[in-house]
Amino acid sequence: MIERLSHWIHRHLLFCIAAAYVAARTSPTAGLWLRNVRAFEFEAGGGRIEASGPALLLALLLFNAGLRARPDRMREIARRPSVVLAGLLANMMIPLLYLAALAPALVAWHDPVEASSLVVGLALVAAMPIAGSSTGWAQSVGADMSLSLGLVVGSTLLSPIATPALLRFAGLAFPGEAANDLLALAGRGTGAFLAAWVLVPSLLGMAARRLASTTLVERLERALKSAATLALLALCYSNAAACLPQALADPDWDFLGAALALSTGLCILTFFGGYAIGRLLRAGRPQRTALMFGMGMNNNGTGLVLASTILASEPLVLLPIIVYNLVQHVVAGCVGRLCAADAA
């Protein structure tokens, strides 16, 4: 029963994420309660690491992703690192250039608070590691799975260093409150947060696959497939509960429209960037497809948890991330259909 439910959710993931957002708007109480859960906390990397409900859900998702990283595919990546490195570099640089190009318009925006929320939200999207869900989309259209996995693992391993650096660079392009928020995100234990809830769970998952018996790994995979799917929806719901009721109670349509337009523009640009990098490197179709999904899909769950932890008093920052999370699955679906039609 649970496996069938998990399979149905996977097939209708975009609908389920949208339903989670609707639930967050209409019935946010449980989501707010989950956000306030604190299992334990400790000091690390110059900041306080809290084991909140969303952080624990995030760790479960990343442990599951690490468990599914097969060693044979990792060895394939090590034999041809150039495409992976090019994809990782472009994945960091293209969104930063996009934000820099938008800087004059966003600085001139009529509402400084909205402008700051847009900048910080999009910068967080840009600075996050590549989403594990990109491998699912890539697999569905026959992409190079070793490259797809390499992009996810590489960006995850780099995230404790790369994410704070990218946030600092983004802060240099914008004055005022946006710069202050970005520097706060870069400096308040963000690297330690990513190490604790992204890097360590991923490495533990990889270690579990290597050390455990094949039978135990298969059992874990079956159990975690359903648990991780439900954790993803719970994470979407709990983080959206912090901002959607406020944002949609008295909607500011120009802010919502800007969030949608800018998120869509960034998503399309990064998907196209993956295609362009593949063409420049004369990569085959499977590699180009893997680059497109890898560069276009970011781990927004991490961005939402990070923003809600460090910028808890600024819930509007979450809105561009939520919008991008929906947009990237819509664009991924469209790209997937185009790839399938091209291969037919």
Protein backbone atom coordinates (compact mmCIF):
# COMPACT_ATOMS: atom_id res chain seq x y z
CA MET A 1 0.00 0.00 0.00
CA ILE A 2 2.75 2.44 1.02
CA GLU A 3 4.85 1.52 -2.02
CA ARG A 4 1.89 2.10 -4.33
CA LEU A 5 1.27 5.49 -2.71
CA SER A 6 4.94 6.39 -3.12
CA HIS A 7 4.87 5.36 -6.78
CA TRP A 8 1.74 7.45 -7.37
CA ILE A 9 3.36 10.48 -5.72
CA HIS A 10 6.47 10.09 -7.88
CA ARG A 11 4.32 10.01 -11.02
CA HIS A 12 2.38 13.10 -9.92
CA LEU A 13 5.13 14.94 -8.04
CA LEU A 14 4.34 18.41 -9.37
CA PHE A 15 0.67 18.03 -8.43
CA CYS A 16 1.62 16.80 -4.94
CA ILE A 17 4.02 19.71 -4.35
CA ALA A 18 1.32 22.15 -5.46
CA ALA A 19 -1.15 20.43 -3.11
CA ALA A 20 1.34 20.79 -0.24
CA TYR A 21 1.54 24.52 -0.97
CA VAL A 22 -2.25 24.81 -1.02
CA ALA A 23 -2.39 23.02 2.34
CA ALA A 24 0.23 25.42 3.71
CA ARG A 25 -1.91 28.36 2.65
CA THR A 26 -5.19 27.02 4.03
CA SER A 27 -4.02 25.00 7.08
CA PRO A 28 -0.54 26.13 8.15
CA THR A 29 -0.73 25.13 11.84
CA ALA A 30 0.94 21.72 11.54
CA GLY A 31 3.65 23.14 9.29
CA LEU A 32 4.45 25.91 11.77
CA TRP A 33 4.55 23.35 14.58
CA LEU A 34 7.00 21.20 12.60
CA ARG A 35 9.23 24.22 11.97
CA ASN A 36 9.40 24.87 15.72
CA VAL A 37 10.38 21.31 16.67
CA ARG A 38 13.89 21.21 18.17
CA ALA A 39 15.33 17.74 18.82
CA PHE A 40 18.77 19.01 19.95
CA GLU A 41 21.34 21.69 19.15
CA PHE A 42 25.12 22.15 19.24
CA GLU A 43 27.86 24.65 18.39
CA ALA A 44 29.92 24.12 15.23
CA GLY A 45 31.78 26.25 12.71
CA GLY A 46 31.16 29.48 14.59
CA GLY A 47 27.39 29.01 14.66
CA ARG A 48 24.63 27.15 16.48
CA ILE A 49 23.32 24.11 14.63
CA GLU A 50 19.72 23.29 15.51
CA ALA A 51 18.17 19.92 14.76
CA SER A 52 14.82 21.38 13.76
CA GLY A 53 12.04 19.42 12.13
CA PRO A 54 12.86 20.70 8.61
CA ALA A 55 16.60 20.11 9.14
CA LEU A 56 15.98 16.47 10.12
CA LEU A 57 13.74 15.97 7.08
CA LEU A 58 16.48 17.46 4.90
CA ALA A 59 19.04 15.09 6.40
CA LEU A 60 16.77 12.12 5.61
CA LEU A 61 16.50 13.23 1.98
CA LEU A 62 20.27 13.59 1.63
CA PHE A 63 20.99 10.26 3.36
CA ASN A 64 18.64 8.61 0.88
CA ALA A 65 20.42 10.34 -2.03
CA GLY A 66 23.81 9.19 -0.73
CA LEU A 67 22.57 5.63 -0.29
CA ARG A 68 21.58 5.54 -3.96
CA ALA A 69 25.03 6.69 -5.18
CA ARG A 70 26.33 3.45 -6.69
CA PRO A 71 30.14 2.99 -6.47
CA ASP A 72 30.43 1.71 -10.05
CA ARG A 73 28.94 4.94 -11.39
CA MET A 74 31.21 7.00 -9.15
CA ARG A 75 34.22 5.24 -10.71
CA GLU A 76 32.90 6.11 -14.18
CA ILE A 77 32.80 9.79 -13.18
CA ALA A 78 36.41 9.69 -11.93
CA ARG A 79 37.57 8.49 -15.35
CA ARG A 80 36.10 11.55 -17.16
CA PRO A 81 35.94 14.50 -14.79
CA SER A 82 36.15 17.33 -17.34
CA VAL A 83 32.44 17.46 -18.20
CA VAL A 84 31.48 17.25 -14.52
CA LEU A 85 33.85 20.08 -13.61
CA ALA A 86 32.60 22.24 -16.49
CA GLY A 87 29.00 21.63 -15.44
CA LEU A 88 29.71 22.47 -11.80
CA LEU A 89 31.53 25.68 -12.73
CA ALA A 90 28.78 26.80 -15.10
CA ASN A 91 26.14 25.89 -12.51
CA MET A 92 27.73 28.41 -10.15
CA MET A 93 28.56 31.16 -12.64
CA ILE A 94 25.46 31.42 -14.86
CA PRO A 95 23.00 32.26 -12.03
CA LEU A 96 25.43 34.82 -10.60
CA LEU A 97 25.70 36.54 -13.98
CA TYR A 98 21.90 36.51 -14.24
CA LEU A 99 21.58 38.20 -10.85
CA ALA A 100 24.25 40.75 -11.75
CA ALA A 101 22.38 41.60 -14.96
CA LEU A 102 19.17 42.12 -12.96
CA ALA A 103 20.85 44.33 -10.34
CA PRO A 104 19.95 47.73 -11.87
CA ALA A 105 16.26 46.84 -12.21
CA LEU A 106 16.01 45.33 -8.73
CA VAL A 107 17.83 48.23 -7.09
CA ALA A 108 15.29 50.59 -8.71
CA TRP A 109 12.28 48.48 -7.58
CA HIS A 110 9.64 50.63 -5.89
CA ASP A 111 9.59 48.61 -2.66
CA PRO A 112 13.04 47.97 -1.07
CA VAL A 113 11.71 45.12 1.11
CA GLU A 114 10.28 43.29 -1.90
CA ALA A 115 13.46 43.92 -3.90
CA SER A 116 15.57 42.52 -1.07
CA SER A 117 13.32 39.43 -0.79
CA LEU A 118 13.60 38.77 -4.53
CA VAL A 119 17.38 39.18 -4.52
CA VAL A 120 18.01 37.02 -1.47
CA GLY A 121 15.56 34.32 -2.55
CA LEU A 122 17.03 34.02 -6.05
CA ALA A 123 20.59 34.17 -4.70
CA LEU A 124 19.79 31.27 -2.38
CA VAL A 125 18.41 29.28 -5.31
CA ALA A 126 21.58 30.04 -7.28
CA ALA A 127 23.87 29.03 -4.41
CA MET A 128 22.24 25.70 -3.58
CA PRO A 129 23.66 22.33 -4.67
CA ILE A 130 22.03 20.47 -7.55
CA ALA A 131 18.79 18.69 -6.70
CA GLY A 132 18.80 14.93 -6.33
CA SER A 133 15.49 14.88 -8.22
CA SER A 134 17.42 15.92 -11.35
CA THR A 135 18.70 12.34 -11.62
CA GLY A 136 15.12 11.03 -11.76
CA TRP A 137 14.21 13.39 -14.59
CA ALA A 138 17.48 12.61 -16.38
CA GLN A 139 16.92 8.86 -16.12
CA SER A 140 13.41 9.17 -17.55
CA VAL A 141 14.77 10.50 -20.87
CA GLY A 142 17.87 8.31 -21.22
CA ALA A 143 20.50 10.79 -20.02
CA ASP A 144 24.02 9.84 -18.94
CA MET A 145 23.34 8.73 -15.35
CA SER A 146 26.96 8.70 -14.20
CA LEU A 147 27.29 12.36 -15.24
CA SER A 148 23.94 13.23 -13.68
CA LEU A 149 24.97 11.61 -10.40
CA GLY A 150 28.40 13.24 -10.57
CA LEU A 151 26.86 16.69 -10.79
CA VAL A 152 24.65 16.04 -7.76
CA VAL A 153 27.42 14.50 -5.65
CA GLY A 154 30.03 17.07 -6.71
CA SER A 155 27.84 20.07 -5.93
CA THR A 156 26.80 18.51 -2.61
CA LEU A 157 30.39 17.88 -1.53
CA LEU A 158 31.38 21.43 -2.49
CA SER A 159 28.36 23.12 -0.90
CA PRO A 160 29.79 23.91 2.57
CA ILE A 161 32.48 26.00 0.84
CA ALA A 162 30.81 27.03 -2.43
CA THR A 163 27.47 28.22 -1.05
CA PRO A 164 28.85 30.83 1.41
CA ALA A 165 31.27 32.04 -1.28
CA LEU A 166 28.48 32.43 -3.86
CA LEU A 167 26.29 34.29 -1.36
CA ARG A 168 29.16 36.70 -0.63
CA PHE A 169 29.70 37.32 -4.35
CA ALA A 170 25.98 37.97 -4.82
CA GLY A 171 26.06 40.40 -1.89
CA LEU A 172 28.68 42.49 -3.68
CA ALA A 173 26.26 43.24 -6.54
CA PHE A 174 23.49 44.69 -4.36
CA PRO A 175 23.48 47.51 -1.82
CA GLY A 176 21.41 47.91 1.34
CA GLU A 177 19.31 45.26 3.03
CA ALA A 178 19.85 42.59 0.38
CA ALA A 179 23.62 42.78 0.83
CA ASN A 180 23.24 42.60 4.61
CA ASP A 181 21.01 39.52 4.38
CA LEU A 182 23.30 37.77 1.90
CA LEU A 183 26.37 38.45 4.03
CA ALA A 184 24.45 37.23 7.09
CA LEU A 185 23.56 34.03 5.25
CA ALA A 186 27.17 33.59 4.17
CA GLY A 187 28.58 34.23 7.61
CA ARG A 188 26.22 32.84 10.25
CA GLY A 189 27.32 29.25 10.24
CA THR A 190 25.96 28.50 6.75
CA GLY A 191 28.94 26.31 5.92
CA ALA A 192 28.47 24.40 9.18
CA PHE A 193 24.72 24.07 8.51
CA LEU A 194 25.37 22.60 5.05
CA ALA A 195 28.07 20.30 6.42
CA ALA A 196 25.75 19.05 9.17
CA TRP A 197 22.52 18.60 7.21
CA VAL A 198 23.69 18.12 3.59
CA LEU A 199 27.27 16.84 3.43
CA VAL A 200 27.36 14.50 6.46
CA PRO A 201 24.03 12.74 5.69
CA SER A 202 25.12 12.27 2.07
CA LEU A 203 28.46 10.76 3.14
CA LEU A 204 26.72 8.54 5.70
CA GLY A 205 24.40 7.27 2.97
CA MET A 206 27.37 6.49 0.70
CA ALA A 207 29.17 4.76 3.58
CA ALA A 208 26.07 2.70 4.42
CA ARG A 209 25.86 1.47 0.83
CA ARG A 210 29.53 0.51 0.85
CA LEU A 211 29.59 -1.20 4.26
CA ALA A 212 26.16 -2.85 4.53
CA SER A 213 25.18 -6.10 2.86
CA THR A 214 23.38 -6.01 -0.47
CA THR A 215 20.21 -7.37 1.15
CA LEU A 216 20.21 -4.68 3.84
CA VAL A 217 20.87 -1.92 1.30
CA GLU A 218 17.94 -3.11 -0.82
CA ARG A 219 15.66 -3.10 2.24
CA LEU A 220 16.83 0.38 3.20
CA GLU A 221 16.26 1.65 -0.33
CA ARG A 222 12.71 0.32 -0.38
CA ALA A 223 11.90 1.81 3.02
CA LEU A 224 13.56 5.16 2.35
CA LYS A 225 12.01 5.59 -1.09
CA SER A 226 8.60 6.05 0.51
CA ALA A 227 9.92 7.91 3.56
CA ALA A 228 11.95 10.35 1.47
CA THR A 229 9.00 11.12 -0.79
CA LEU A 230 6.80 11.94 2.19
CA ALA A 231 9.66 13.91 3.79
CA LEU A 232 9.97 16.03 0.64
CA LEU A 233 6.28 16.92 0.73
CA ALA A 234 6.41 17.62 4.48
CA LEU A 235 9.40 19.89 3.91
CA CYS A 236 7.59 21.80 1.16
CA TYR A 237 4.52 22.14 3.37
CA SER A 238 6.31 23.24 6.54
CA ASN A 239 8.45 25.88 4.85
CA ALA A 240 5.57 27.23 2.76
CA ALA A 241 3.47 27.56 5.93
CA ALA A 242 5.82 30.32 7.06
CA CYS A 243 5.18 32.64 4.12
CA LEU A 244 2.22 31.68 1.92
CA PRO A 245 -0.56 32.64 4.38
CA GLN A 246 0.98 36.10 4.75
CA ALA A 247 1.85 36.53 1.07
CA LEU A 248 -1.56 35.43 -0.23
CA ALA A 249 -3.81 36.92 2.46
CA ASP A 250 -3.44 40.32 0.81
CA PRO A 251 -1.54 39.47 -2.39
CA ASP A 252 0.90 41.95 -3.85
CA TRP A 253 0.52 40.99 -7.48
CA ASP A 254 3.54 42.87 -8.79
CA PHE A 255 5.78 41.09 -6.26
CA LEU A 256 4.26 37.69 -7.06
CA GLY A 257 4.51 38.40 -10.79
CA ALA A 258 8.14 39.45 -10.45
CA ALA A 259 8.95 36.32 -8.43
CA LEU A 260 7.35 34.15 -11.12
CA ALA A 261 8.95 35.98 -14.05
CA LEU A 262 12.46 36.09 -12.56
CA SER A 263 12.31 32.48 -11.36
CA THR A 264 11.13 31.30 -14.77
CA GLY A 265 13.84 33.32 -16.50
CA LEU A 266 16.57 31.89 -14.28
CA CYS A 267 15.30 28.33 -14.69
CA ILE A 268 15.09 28.51 -18.49
CA LEU A 269 18.53 30.14 -18.65
CA THR A 270 20.17 27.41 -16.57
CA PHE A 271 18.55 24.61 -18.59
CA PHE A 272 19.74 26.30 -21.78
CA GLY A 273 23.16 26.80 -20.18
CA GLY A 274 23.44 23.05 -19.68
CA TYR A 275 22.61 22.47 -23.34
CA ALA A 276 25.12 25.13 -24.46
CA ILE A 277 27.93 23.72 -22.29
CA GLY A 278 27.26 20.29 -23.74
CA ARG A 279 27.47 21.64 -27.29
CA LEU A 280 30.69 23.54 -26.54
CA LEU A 281 32.27 20.38 -25.13
CA ARG A 282 30.95 18.34 -28.09
CA ALA A 283 29.24 16.04 -25.64
CA GLY A 284 26.80 13.41 -26.84
CA ARG A 285 23.05 13.73 -26.44
CA PRO A 286 22.91 11.73 -23.16
CA GLN A 287 25.55 14.00 -21.60
CA ARG A 288 23.87 17.20 -22.84
CA THR A 289 20.60 16.02 -21.34
CA ALA A 290 22.25 15.27 -17.99
CA LEU A 291 23.84 18.73 -17.99
CA MET A 292 20.50 20.40 -18.69
CA PHE A 293 18.68 18.73 -15.82
CA GLY A 294 21.63 19.11 -13.46
CA MET A 295 22.12 22.81 -14.08
CA GLY A 296 18.41 23.64 -14.18
CA MET A 297 17.33 21.94 -10.95
CA ASN A 298 18.55 23.10 -7.53
CA ASN A 299 18.07 21.69 -4.04
CA ASN A 300 15.51 24.26 -2.96
CA GLY A 301 14.60 22.30 0.15
CA THR A 302 18.03 23.17 1.53
CA GLY A 303 17.57 26.82 0.59
CA LEU A 304 14.18 26.96 2.29
CA VAL A 305 15.47 25.42 5.51
CA LEU A 306 18.52 27.67 5.52
CA ALA A 307 16.50 30.85 4.90
CA SER A 308 13.85 29.97 7.46
CA THR A 309 16.55 29.25 10.04
CA ILE A 310 18.79 32.29 9.57
CA LEU A 311 16.26 34.83 8.23
CA ALA A 312 13.26 33.72 10.27
CA SER A 313 12.01 37.31 10.60
CA GLU A 314 11.83 37.75 6.79
CA PRO A 315 9.38 35.12 5.51
CA LEU A 316 8.94 36.79 2.09
CA VAL A 317 12.46 35.61 1.22
CA LEU A 318 10.99 32.10 1.01
CA LEU A 319 8.51 33.00 -1.72
CA PRO A 320 10.92 33.20 -4.71
CA ILE A 321 12.40 29.85 -3.62
CA ILE A 322 8.95 28.25 -3.43
CA VAL A 323 8.05 29.64 -6.85
CA TYR A 324 11.32 28.38 -8.35
CA ASN A 325 10.70 24.95 -6.87
CA LEU A 326 7.42 24.68 -8.78
CA VAL A 327 8.81 26.29 -11.94
CA GLN A 328 11.80 23.95 -12.17
CA HIS A 329 9.54 20.88 -12.22
CA VAL A 330 7.30 22.44 -14.88
CA VAL A 331 10.32 23.32 -17.04
CA ALA A 332 11.84 19.88 -16.41
CA GLY A 333 8.62 18.27 -17.63
CA CYS A 334 8.64 20.38 -20.80
CA VAL A 335 12.33 19.66 -21.46
CA GLY A 336 11.72 15.97 -20.83
CA ARG A 337 8.98 15.89 -23.45
CA LEU A 338 11.19 17.73 -25.95
CA CYS A 339 14.03 15.27 -25.32
CA ALA A 340 11.70 12.29 -25.71
CA ALA A 341 10.31 13.70 -28.96
CA ASP A 342 13.83 14.36 -30.27
CA ALA A 343 14.89 10.80 -29.48
CA ALA A 344 11.83 9.27 -31.15
